[in-house]
PDB file of N, CA and C in Angstrom:
ATOM      1  N   MET A   1     -31.739 -80.858 -18.995  1.00  0.00           N
ATOM      2  CA  MET A   1     -31.734 -82.031 -18.883  1.00  0.00           C
ATOM      3  C   MET A   1     -33.247 -82.558 -17.467  1.00  0.00           C
ATOM      4  N   GLU A   2     -33.891 -82.879 -18.017  1.00  0.00           N
ATOM      5  CA  GLU A   2     -35.001 -83.257 -17.343  1.00  0.00           C
ATOM      6  C   GLU A   2     -34.901 -84.840 -16.596  1.00  0.00           C
ATOM      7  N   GLN A   3     -34.737 -84.625 -14.780  1.00  0.00           N
ATOM      8  CA  GLN A   3     -34.592 -85.260 -13.907  1.00  0.00           C
ATOM      9  C   GLN A   3     -36.143 -85.362 -12.947  1.00  0.00           C
ATOM     10  N   ILE A   4     -36.660 -86.617 -12.964  1.00  0.00           N
ATOM     11  CA  ILE A   4     -37.808 -86.708 -11.889  1.00  0.00           C
ATOM     12  C   ILE A   4     -37.414 -87.258 -10.806  1.00  0.00           C
ATOM     13  N   MET A   5     -37.916 -86.297  -9.699  1.00  0.00           N
ATOM     14  CA  MET A   5     -37.477 -86.895  -8.172  1.00  0.00           C
ATOM     15  C   MET A   5     -38.655 -87.723  -7.488  1.00  0.00           C
ATOM     16  N   ASN A   6     -39.800 -86.528  -7.877  1.00  0.00           N
ATOM     17  CA  ASN A   6     -40.691 -87.384  -6.981  1.00  0.00           C
ATOM     18  C   ASN A   6     -40.339 -87.743  -5.447  1.00  0.00           C
ATOM     19  N   LYS A   7     -39.881 -86.820  -4.903  1.00  0.00           N
ATOM     20  CA  LYS A   7     -39.607 -87.179  -3.337  1.00  0.00           C
ATOM     21  C   LYS A   7     -39.202 -85.752  -2.405  1.00  0.00           C
ATOM     22  N   LEU A   8     -39.493 -85.667  -1.552  1.00  0.00           N
ATOM     23  CA  LEU A   8     -38.947 -84.744  -0.823  1.00  0.00           C
ATOM     24  C   LEU A   8     -37.514 -84.207  -0.763  1.00  0.00           C
ATOM     25  N   VAL A   9     -37.215 -82.665  -1.053  1.00  0.00           N
ATOM     26  CA  VAL A   9     -35.938 -82.810  -1.306  1.00  0.00           C
ATOM     27  C   VAL A   9     -35.447 -81.317  -0.497  1.00  0.00           C
ATOM     28  N   ARG A  10     -34.435 -81.034  -0.024  1.00  0.00           N
ATOM     29  CA  ARG A  10     -33.799 -80.049   0.790  1.00  0.00           C
ATOM     30  C   ARG A  10     -34.216 -78.620   0.190  1.00  0.00           C
ATOM     31  N   ASP A  11     -34.413 -77.643   0.922  1.00  0.00           N
ATOM     32  CA  ASP A  11     -34.817 -76.528   0.378  1.00  0.00           C
ATOM     33  C   ASP A  11     -34.006 -75.572  -0.732  1.00  0.00           C
ATOM     34  N   LYS A  12     -32.622 -76.076  -0.663  1.00  0.00           N
ATOM     35  CA  LYS A  12     -31.937 -75.060  -1.303  1.00  0.00           C
ATOM     36  C   LYS A  12     -31.982 -75.844  -3.092  1.00  0.00           C
ATOM     37  N   ILE A  13     -32.443 -77.295  -3.046  1.00  0.00           N
ATOM     38  CA  ILE A  13     -32.787 -78.020  -4.497  1.00  0.00           C
ATOM     39  C   ILE A  13     -33.363 -76.746  -5.526  1.00  0.00           C
ATOM     40  N   ILE A  14     -34.418 -76.405  -5.255  1.00  0.00           N
ATOM     41  CA  ILE A  14     -34.968 -76.072  -6.111  1.00  0.00           C
ATOM     42  C   ILE A  14     -34.011 -74.626  -6.657  1.00  0.00           C
ATOM     43  N   ASP A  15     -33.616 -73.827  -5.867  1.00  0.00           N
ATOM     44  CA  ASP A  15     -32.842 -72.600  -6.317  1.00  0.00           C
ATOM     45  C   ASP A  15     -31.467 -73.185  -7.471  1.00  0.00           C
ATOM     46  N   ILE A  16     -30.939 -74.072  -6.873  1.00  0.00           N
ATOM     47  CA  ILE A  16     -30.041 -74.961  -7.511  1.00  0.00           C
ATOM     48  C   ILE A  16     -30.330 -75.537  -8.887  1.00  0.00           C
ATOM     49  N   ILE A  17     -31.753 -76.032  -8.855  1.00  0.00           N
ATOM     50  CA  ILE A  17     -31.855 -76.236 -10.570  1.00  0.00           C
ATOM     51  C   ILE A  17     -32.178 -75.270 -11.401  1.00  0.00           C
ATOM     52  N   ILE A  18     -32.829 -74.070 -10.735  1.00  0.00           N
ATOM     53  CA  ILE A  18     -32.998 -72.911 -11.546  1.00  0.00           C
ATOM     54  C   ILE A  18     -31.601 -72.313 -11.816  1.00  0.00           C
ATOM     55  N   ASN A  19     -30.437 -72.009 -10.904  1.00  0.00           N
ATOM     56  CA  ASN A  19     -29.320 -71.528 -11.233  1.00  0.00           C
ATOM     57  C   ASN A  19     -28.822 -72.258 -12.349  1.00  0.00           C
ATOM     58  N   ASN A  20     -29.105 -73.860 -12.467  1.00  0.00           N
ATOM     59  CA  ASN A  20     -28.488 -74.529 -13.495  1.00  0.00           C
ATOM     60  C   ASN A  20     -29.140 -74.378 -14.829  1.00  0.00           C
ATOM     61  N   GLY A  21     -30.079 -73.435 -14.934  1.00  0.00           N
ATOM     62  CA  GLY A  21     -30.712 -73.143 -16.182  1.00  0.00           C
ATOM     63  C   GLY A  21     -32.177 -73.816 -16.405  1.00  0.00           C
ATOM     64  N   ASP A  22     -32.264 -74.723 -15.474  1.00  0.00           N
ATOM     65  CA  ASP A  22     -33.289 -75.600 -15.613  1.00  0.00           C
ATOM     66  C   ASP A  22     -34.885 -75.033 -14.775  1.00  0.00           C
ATOM     67  N   ILE A  23     -35.830 -75.654 -15.167  1.00  0.00           N
ATOM     68  CA  ILE A  23     -37.002 -75.076 -14.715  1.00  0.00           C
ATOM     69  C   ILE A  23     -37.643 -76.360 -14.041  1.00  0.00           C
ATOM     70  N   PRO A  24     -37.633 -76.342 -12.465  1.00  0.00           N
ATOM     71  CA  PRO A  24     -38.024 -77.106 -11.747  1.00  0.00           C
ATOM     72  C   PRO A  24     -40.038 -77.240 -11.989  1.00  0.00           C
ATOM     73  N   THR A  25     -40.573 -78.287 -11.614  1.00  0.00           N
ATOM     74  CA  THR A  25     -41.757 -77.954 -11.400  1.00  0.00           C
ATOM     75  C   THR A  25     -41.952 -78.798  -9.980  1.00  0.00           C
ATOM     76  N   TYR A  26     -42.332 -78.326  -8.943  1.00  0.00           N
ATOM     77  CA  TYR A  26     -43.090 -78.898  -7.998  1.00  0.00           C
ATOM     78  C   TYR A  26     -44.315 -78.343  -7.152  1.00  0.00           C
ATOM     79  N   HIS A  27     -44.680 -78.670  -6.130  1.00  0.00           N
ATOM     80  CA  HIS A  27     -45.352 -78.270  -5.206  1.00  0.00           C
ATOM     81  C   HIS A  27     -45.071 -77.954  -4.039  1.00  0.00           C
ATOM     82  N   VAL A  28     -45.789 -76.995  -3.075  1.00  0.00           N
ATOM     83  CA  VAL A  28     -45.570 -77.178  -1.604  1.00  0.00           C
ATOM     84  C   VAL A  28     -46.515 -78.265  -0.924  1.00  0.00           C
ATOM     85  N   LEU A  29     -45.941 -78.983  -0.023  1.00  0.00           N
ATOM     86  CA  LEU A  29     -46.771 -79.987   0.974  1.00  0.00           C
ATOM     87  C   LEU A  29     -47.624 -79.241   2.064  1.00  0.00           C
ATOM     88  N   ASN A  30     -48.866 -80.058   2.050  1.00  0.00           N
ATOM     89  CA  ASN A  30     -49.836 -79.665   3.326  1.00  0.00           C
ATOM     90  C   ASN A  30     -48.905 -80.299   4.336  1.00  0.00           C
ATOM     91  N   ASP A  31     -48.791 -79.845   5.723  1.00  0.00           N
ATOM     92  CA  ASP A  31     -48.682 -80.152   6.612  1.00  0.00           C
ATOM     93  C   ASP A  31     -48.474 -81.824   7.108  1.00  0.00           C
ATOM     94  N   LYS A  32     -49.842 -82.671   6.666  1.00  0.00           N
ATOM     95  CA  LYS A  32     -49.812 -84.159   6.912  1.00  0.00           C
ATOM     96  C   LYS A  32     -49.304 -84.758   5.596  1.00  0.00           C
ATOM     97  N   GLU A  33     -49.117 -84.086   4.475  1.00  0.00           N
ATOM     98  CA  GLU A  33     -48.466 -84.638   3.207  1.00  0.00           C
ATOM     99  C   GLU A  33     -46.824 -84.370   3.586  1.00  0.00           C
ATOM    100  N   TYR A  34     -46.369 -83.222   4.226  1.00  0.00           N
ATOM    101  CA  TYR A  34     -45.185 -83.192   4.819  1.00  0.00           C
ATOM    102  C   TYR A  34     -44.503 -84.318   5.716  1.00  0.00           C
ATOM    103  N   ILE A  35     -45.344 -84.124   6.786  1.00  0.00           N
ATOM    104  CA  ILE A  35     -45.148 -85.435   7.745  1.00  0.00           C
ATOM    105  C   ILE A  35     -44.878 -87.187   7.194  1.00  0.00           C
ATOM    106  N   GLU A  36     -45.802 -86.783   6.370  1.00  0.00           N
ATOM    107  CA  GLU A  36     -45.510 -88.363   5.426  1.00  0.00           C
ATOM    108  C   GLU A  36     -44.408 -88.360   4.512  1.00  0.00           C
ATOM    109  N   ALA A  37     -44.202 -87.541   3.993  1.00  0.00           N
ATOM    110  CA  ALA A  37     -43.047 -87.173   3.020  1.00  0.00           C
ATOM    111  C   ALA A  37     -41.771 -87.461   3.996  1.00  0.00           C
ATOM    112  N   LEU A  38     -41.694 -86.795   5.162  1.00  0.00           N
ATOM    113  CA  LEU A  38     -40.598 -87.353   6.149  1.00  0.00           C
ATOM    114  C   LEU A  38     -40.615 -88.637   6.834  1.00  0.00           C
ATOM    115  N   LYS A  39     -41.276 -89.153   6.448  1.00  0.00           N
ATOM    116  CA  LYS A  39     -41.358 -90.531   7.247  1.00  0.00           C
ATOM    117  C   LYS A  39     -40.616 -91.282   6.078  1.00  0.00           C
ATOM    118  N   VAL A  40     -40.905 -91.185   4.903  1.00  0.00           N
ATOM    119  CA  VAL A  40     -40.737 -91.919   3.529  1.00  0.00           C
ATOM    120  C   VAL A  40     -39.027 -91.353   3.368  1.00  0.00           C
ATOM    121  N   LYS A  41     -38.808 -90.083   3.906  1.00  0.00           N
ATOM    122  CA  LYS A  41     -37.221 -89.706   3.623  1.00  0.00           C
ATOM    123  C   LYS A  41     -36.311 -90.274   4.622  1.00  0.00           C
ATOM    124  N   LEU A  42     -37.054 -90.457   5.943  1.00  0.00           N
ATOM    125  CA  LEU A  42     -36.396 -90.985   6.970  1.00  0.00           C
ATOM    126  C   LEU A  42     -35.906 -92.233   6.510  1.00  0.00           C
ATOM    127  N   ASN A  43     -36.438 -93.127   5.896  1.00  0.00           N
ATOM    128  CA  ASN A  43     -36.501 -94.307   5.487  1.00  0.00           C
ATOM    129  C   ASN A  43     -35.174 -94.603   4.395  1.00  0.00           C
ATOM    130  N   GLU A  44     -35.239 -93.491   3.377  1.00  0.00           N
ATOM    131  CA  GLU A  44     -34.302 -93.472   2.071  1.00  0.00           C
ATOM    132  C   GLU A  44     -32.908 -92.970   2.787  1.00  0.00           C
ATOM    133  N   GLU A  45     -33.202 -92.211   3.804  1.00  0.00           N
ATOM    134  CA  GLU A  45     -31.889 -91.919   4.549  1.00  0.00           C
ATOM    135  C   GLU A  45     -30.924 -93.103   5.240  1.00  0.00           C
ATOM    136  N   TYR A  46     -31.978 -94.132   6.131  1.00  0.00           N
ATOM    137  CA  TYR A  46     -31.598 -94.988   6.327  1.00  0.00           C
ATOM    138  C   TYR A  46     -30.920 -96.328   5.938  1.00  0.00           C
ATOM    139  N   GLN A  47     -31.628 -96.129   4.579  1.00  0.00           N
ATOM    140  CA  GLN A  47     -31.225 -97.414   3.556  1.00  0.00           C
ATOM    141  C   GLN A  47     -29.824 -96.897   3.301  1.00  0.00           C
ATOM    142  N   GLU A  48     -29.523 -95.176   3.104  1.00  0.00           N
ATOM    143  CA  GLU A  48     -28.190 -94.856   2.193  1.00  0.00           C
ATOM    144  C   GLU A  48     -27.329 -95.397   3.525  1.00  0.00           C
ATOM    145  N   ILE A  49     -27.764 -95.445   4.996  1.00  0.00           N
ATOM    146  CA  ILE A  49     -26.815 -95.516   6.017  1.00  0.00           C
ATOM    147  C   ILE A  49     -26.176 -97.165   5.482  1.00  0.00           C
ATOM    148  N   LEU A  50     -27.438 -98.390   5.168  1.00  0.00           N
ATOM    149  CA  LEU A  50     -27.465 -99.232   5.497  1.00  0.00           C
ATOM    150  C   LEU A  50     -25.969 -99.620   4.139  1.00  0.00           C
ATOM    151  N   LYS A  51     -26.045 -98.964   2.917  1.00  0.00           N
ATOM    152  CA  LYS A  51     -25.324 -98.982   1.745  1.00  0.00           C
ATOM    153  C   LYS A  51     -24.079 -98.373   1.821  1.00  0.00           C
ATOM    154  N   ALA A  52     -23.729 -97.726   3.013  1.00  0.00           N
ATOM    155  CA  ALA A  52     -22.296 -96.950   3.303  1.00  0.00           C
ATOM    156  C   ALA A  52     -21.654 -97.939   3.699  1.00  0.00           C
ATOM    157  N   LYS A  53     -20.241 -97.939   3.224  1.00  0.00           N
ATOM    158  CA  LYS A  53     -19.250 -98.619   2.808  1.00  0.00           C
ATOM    159  C   LYS A  53     -17.636 -98.035   3.625  1.00  0.00           C
ATOM    160  N   THR A  54     -17.462 -96.660   3.881  1.00  0.00           N
ATOM    161  CA  THR A  54     -16.626 -95.976   4.593  1.00  0.00           C
ATOM    162  C   THR A  54     -17.101 -94.868   5.688  1.00  0.00           C
ATOM    163  N   LYS A  55     -16.360 -95.068   6.989  1.00  0.00           N
ATOM    164  CA  LYS A  55     -16.563 -94.518   7.919  1.00  0.00           C
ATOM    165  C   LYS A  55     -17.177 -92.946   7.475  1.00  0.00           C
ATOM    166  N   GLU A  56     -16.818 -92.302   6.567  1.00  0.00           N
ATOM    167  CA  GLU A  56     -16.844 -90.868   6.332  1.00  0.00           C
ATOM    168  C   GLU A  56     -18.460 -91.242   5.510  1.00  0.00           C
ATOM    169  N   GLU A  57     -18.898 -92.011   4.998  1.00  0.00           N
ATOM    170  CA  GLU A  57     -19.616 -92.143   4.285  1.00  0.00           C
ATOM    171  C   GLU A  57     -21.031 -92.584   5.237  1.00  0.00           C
ATOM    172  N   VAL A  58     -20.722 -93.187   6.596  1.00  0.00           N
ATOM    173  CA  VAL A  58     -21.675 -93.186   7.680  1.00  0.00           C
ATOM    174  C   VAL A  58     -21.777 -91.588   8.012  1.00  0.00           C
ATOM    175  N   LEU A  59     -20.606 -91.020   8.136  1.00  0.00           N
ATOM    176  CA  LEU A  59     -21.126 -89.800   8.970  1.00  0.00           C
ATOM    177  C   LEU A  59     -21.742 -88.957   7.676  1.00  0.00           C
ATOM    178  N   GLU A  60     -21.673 -88.864   6.852  1.00  0.00           N
ATOM    179  CA  GLU A  60     -22.629 -88.255   5.758  1.00  0.00           C
ATOM    180  C   GLU A  60     -23.974 -88.456   5.717  1.00  0.00           C
ATOM    181  N   GLU A  61     -24.196 -89.666   5.304  1.00  0.00           N
ATOM    182  CA  GLU A  61     -25.831 -90.273   5.172  1.00  0.00           C
ATOM    183  C   GLU A  61     -26.012 -90.233   6.921  1.00  0.00           C
ATOM    184  N   SER A  62     -25.173 -90.455   7.889  1.00  0.00           N
ATOM    185  CA  SER A  62     -26.240 -90.134   9.489  1.00  0.00           C
ATOM    186  C   SER A  62     -26.111 -88.581   9.354  1.00  0.00           C
ATOM    187  N   SER A  63     -25.851 -87.786   8.935  1.00  0.00           N
ATOM    188  CA  SER A  63     -26.053 -85.981   8.968  1.00  0.00           C
ATOM    189  C   SER A  63     -27.700 -85.953   8.414  1.00  0.00           C
ATOM    190  N   ASP A  64     -27.238 -86.481   7.453  1.00  0.00           N
ATOM    191  CA  ASP A  64     -28.805 -86.584   6.288  1.00  0.00           C
ATOM    192  C   ASP A  64     -30.048 -87.378   7.018  1.00  0.00           C
ATOM    193  N   LEU A  65     -29.780 -88.541   7.915  1.00  0.00           N
ATOM    194  CA  LEU A  65     -30.662 -89.143   8.648  1.00  0.00           C
ATOM    195  C   LEU A  65     -30.769 -88.088   9.826  1.00  0.00           C
ATOM    196  N   PHE A  66     -30.378 -87.148  10.446  1.00  0.00           N
ATOM    197  CA  PHE A  66     -30.454 -86.956  11.393  1.00  0.00           C
ATOM    198  C   PHE A  66     -31.108 -85.378  11.033  1.00  0.00           C
ATOM    199  N   GLU A  67     -30.725 -84.663   9.944  1.00  0.00           N
ATOM    200  CA  GLU A  67     -31.454 -83.511   9.556  1.00  0.00           C
ATOM    201  C   GLU A  67     -33.120 -83.534   9.151  1.00  0.00           C
ATOM    202  N   VAL A  68     -33.155 -85.105   8.443  1.00  0.00           N
ATOM    203  CA  VAL A  68     -34.635 -85.598   8.544  1.00  0.00           C
ATOM    204  C   VAL A  68     -35.163 -85.423   9.722  1.00  0.00           C
ATOM    205  N   LEU A  69     -34.483 -86.583  10.614  1.00  0.00           N
ATOM    206  CA  LEU A  69     -35.678 -86.110  12.195  1.00  0.00           C
ATOM    207  C   LEU A  69     -36.052 -85.494  12.377  1.00  0.00           C
ATOM    208  N   CYS A  70     -34.491 -84.486  12.695  1.00  0.00           N
ATOM    209  CA  CYS A  70     -34.921 -82.879  13.422  1.00  0.00           C
ATOM    210  C   CYS A  70     -35.975 -82.458  12.447  1.00  0.00           C
ATOM    211  N   ALA A  71     -36.537 -82.346  11.417  1.00  0.00           N
ATOM    212  CA  ALA A  71     -37.186 -81.867  10.535  1.00  0.00           C
ATOM    213  C   ALA A  71     -39.166 -82.709  11.064  1.00  0.00           C
ATOM    214  N   LEU A  72     -38.619 -83.927  11.072  1.00  0.00           N
ATOM    215  CA  LEU A  72     -39.752 -84.456  11.307  1.00  0.00           C
ATOM    216  C   LEU A  72     -40.646 -84.339  12.831  1.00  0.00           C
ATOM    217  N   ILE A  73     -39.428 -84.184  13.728  1.00  0.00           N
ATOM    218  CA  ILE A  73     -39.655 -83.918  15.424  1.00  0.00           C
ATOM    219  C   ILE A  73     -40.235 -82.370  15.045  1.00  0.00           C
ATOM    220  N   LYS A  74     -39.989 -81.522  14.566  1.00  0.00           N
ATOM    221  CA  LYS A  74     -40.235 -80.264  14.622  1.00  0.00           C
ATOM    222  C   LYS A  74     -41.685 -79.825  14.076  1.00  0.00           C
ATOM    223  N   ALA A  75     -41.867 -81.153  12.678  1.00  0.00           N
ATOM    224  CA  ALA A  75     -43.645 -81.092  12.171  1.00  0.00           C
ATOM    225  C   ALA A  75     -44.628 -81.620  12.706  1.00  0.00           C
ATOM    226  N   VAL A  76     -44.267 -81.996  13.901  1.00  0.00           N
ATOM    227  CA  VAL A  76     -45.049 -82.656  14.763  1.00  0.00           C
ATOM    228  C   VAL A  76     -45.264 -82.102  16.030  1.00  0.00           C
ATOM    229  N   GLY A  77     -44.570 -81.161  16.240  1.00  0.00           N
ATOM    230  CA  GLY A  77     -44.672 -80.013  17.416  1.00  0.00           C
ATOM    231  C   GLY A  77     -43.497 -80.087  18.540  1.00  0.00           C
ATOM    232  N   TYR A  78     -42.465 -80.573  18.381  1.00  0.00           N
ATOM    233  CA  TYR A  78     -41.084 -80.587  19.244  1.00  0.00           C
ATOM    234  C   TYR A  78     -40.206 -79.837  18.768  1.00  0.00           C
ATOM    235  N   GLN A  79     -38.936 -79.959  19.313  1.00  0.00           N
ATOM    236  CA  GLN A  79     -37.877 -79.055  19.030  1.00  0.00           C
ATOM    237  C   GLN A  79     -36.816 -80.102  19.449  1.00  0.00           C
ATOM    238  N   GLU A  80     -35.534 -80.176  18.581  1.00  0.00           N
ATOM    239  CA  GLU A  80     -34.442 -80.713  18.970  1.00  0.00           C
ATOM    240  C   GLU A  80     -34.207 -81.046  20.510  1.00  0.00           C
ATOM    241  N   GLU A  81     -33.993 -79.988  20.867  1.00  0.00           N
ATOM    242  CA  GLU A  81     -33.558 -80.052  22.540  1.00  0.00           C
ATOM    243  C   GLU A  81     -34.951 -81.327  23.249  1.00  0.00           C
ATOM    244  N   ASP A  82     -35.806 -81.361  22.300  1.00  0.00           N
ATOM    245  CA  ASP A  82     -37.002 -82.331  23.316  1.00  0.00           C
ATOM    246  C   ASP A  82     -36.200 -83.423  22.628  1.00  0.00           C
ATOM    247  N   LEU A  83     -36.016 -84.229  21.542  1.00  0.00           N
ATOM    248  CA  LEU A  83     -35.269 -85.045  21.020  1.00  0.00           C
ATOM    249  C   LEU A  83     -34.259 -85.453  21.923  1.00  0.00           C
ATOM    250  N   ILE A  84     -33.511 -84.222  22.214  1.00  0.00           N
ATOM    251  CA  ILE A  84     -32.613 -84.757  22.833  1.00  0.00           C
ATOM    252  C   ILE A  84     -32.583 -85.064  24.252  1.00  0.00           C
ATOM    253  N   LYS A  85     -33.643 -84.189  25.017  1.00  0.00           N
ATOM    254  CA  LYS A  85     -33.853 -84.474  26.336  1.00  0.00           C
ATOM    255  C   LYS A  85     -34.279 -85.654  26.550  1.00  0.00           C
ATOM    256  N   MET A  86     -35.358 -86.522  25.600  1.00  0.00           N
ATOM    257  CA  MET A  86     -35.978 -87.553  25.217  1.00  0.00           C
ATOM    258  C   MET A  86     -34.809 -88.474  25.124  1.00  0.00           C
ATOM    259  N   ARG A  87     -34.056 -88.672  24.423  1.00  0.00           N
ATOM    260  CA  ARG A  87     -32.355 -89.697  24.205  1.00  0.00           C
ATOM    261  C   ARG A  87     -32.588 -89.858  25.684  1.00  0.00           C
ATOM    262  N   THR A  88     -31.669 -88.748  26.774  1.00  0.00           N
ATOM    263  CA  THR A  88     -31.157 -88.906  27.877  1.00  0.00           C
ATOM    264  C   THR A  88     -32.007 -89.412  28.970  1.00  0.00           C
ATOM    265  N   LEU A  89     -33.245 -89.043  28.990  1.00  0.00           N
ATOM    266  CA  LEU A  89     -34.027 -89.715  29.782  1.00  0.00           C
ATOM    267  C   LEU A  89     -34.055 -91.122  29.378  1.00  0.00           C
ATOM    268  N   LYS A  90     -34.227 -91.739  28.328  1.00  0.00           N
ATOM    269  CA  LYS A  90     -33.679 -93.218  28.005  1.00  0.00           C
ATOM    270  C   LYS A  90     -32.692 -93.899  27.730  1.00  0.00           C
ATOM    271  N   ARG A  91     -31.726 -93.125  27.777  1.00  0.00           N
ATOM    272  CA  ARG A  91     -30.576 -93.662  27.883  1.00  0.00           C
ATOM    273  C   ARG A  91     -29.923 -93.921  29.539  1.00  0.00           C
ATOM    274  N   GLU A  92     -30.808 -92.840  30.553  1.00  0.00           N
ATOM    275  CA  GLU A  92     -30.533 -93.250  32.224  1.00  0.00           C
ATOM    276  C   GLU A  92     -31.366 -93.921  32.157  1.00  0.00           C
ATOM    277  N   LYS A  93     -32.234 -94.211  32.065  1.00  0.00           N
ATOM    278  CA  LYS A  93     -33.097 -95.067  32.232  1.00  0.00           C
ATOM    279  C   LYS A  93     -32.701 -96.970  31.837  1.00  0.00           C
ATOM    280  N   ARG A  94     -32.499 -97.153  30.221  1.00  0.00           N
ATOM    281  CA  ARG A  94     -32.443 -98.274  30.049  1.00  0.00           C
ATOM    282  C   ARG A  94     -30.998 -98.258  29.145  1.00  0.00           C
ATOM    283  N   GLY A  95     -29.912 -97.254  29.330  1.00  0.00           N
ATOM    284  CA  GLY A  95     -28.523 -97.378  28.911  1.00  0.00           C
ATOM    285  C   GLY A  95     -28.511 -97.033  27.544  1.00  0.00           C
ATOM    286  N   GLY A  96     -27.183 -97.151  26.893  1.00  0.00           N
ATOM    287  CA  GLY A  96     -27.071 -97.015  25.621  1.00  0.00           C
ATOM    288  C   GLY A  96     -26.751 -97.982  24.883  1.00  0.00           C
ATOM    289  N   PHE A  97     -25.773 -98.227  24.118  1.00  0.00           N
ATOM    290  CA  PHE A  97     -25.305 -99.262  23.214  1.00  0.00           C
ATOM    291  C   PHE A  97     -23.744 -99.380  23.377  1.00  0.00           C
ATOM    292  N   GLU A  98     -22.937 -99.025  24.181  1.00  0.00           N
ATOM    293  CA  GLU A  98     -21.648 -99.053  24.220  1.00  0.00           C
ATOM    294  C   GLU A  98     -20.957-100.157  24.390  1.00  0.00           C
ATOM    295  N   LYS A  99     -22.121-101.031  25.250  1.00  0.00           N
ATOM    296  CA  LYS A  99     -21.573-102.483  25.728  1.00  0.00           C
ATOM    297  C   LYS A  99     -21.621-103.402  24.653  1.00  0.00           C
ATOM    298  N   LYS A 100     -22.289-102.962  23.472  1.00  0.00           N
ATOM    299  CA  LYS A 100     -22.366-104.154  22.214  1.00  0.00           C
ATOM    300  C   LYS A 100     -23.139-105.117  22.762  1.00  0.00           C
ATOM    301  N   PHE A 101     -23.532-105.723  23.508  1.00  0.00           N
ATOM    302  CA  PHE A 101     -24.764-106.565  24.221  1.00  0.00           C
ATOM    303  C   PHE A 101     -25.706-106.756  22.586  1.00  0.00           C
ATOM    304  N   ILE A 102     -25.924-107.871  22.548  1.00  0.00           N
ATOM    305  CA  ILE A 102     -26.734-108.789  21.348  1.00  0.00           C
ATOM    306  C   ILE A 102     -27.543-109.719  22.321  1.00  0.00           C
TER     307      ILE A 102
END
């Protein structure tokens, strides 16, 4: 069964397609293409969070978004720990969102 994805997919998807008896057509992105594809994927995952109806769906889609975000951070030269440190610094300086202010 032919399915055209034409988007960044998780690392094991190619193996899953092969194990299902299909032959995938794909190419490996260069660094610049990869960063742009991650940004597109980030938006895709964000849109899926917006569509989530249950708290379990929110959790699952948020984990996908976090995975893509961590990949993007790494692609531009940082580590997940750097993201956590920046989050902490911004939280200390400006606060979080627990008070639900609008």
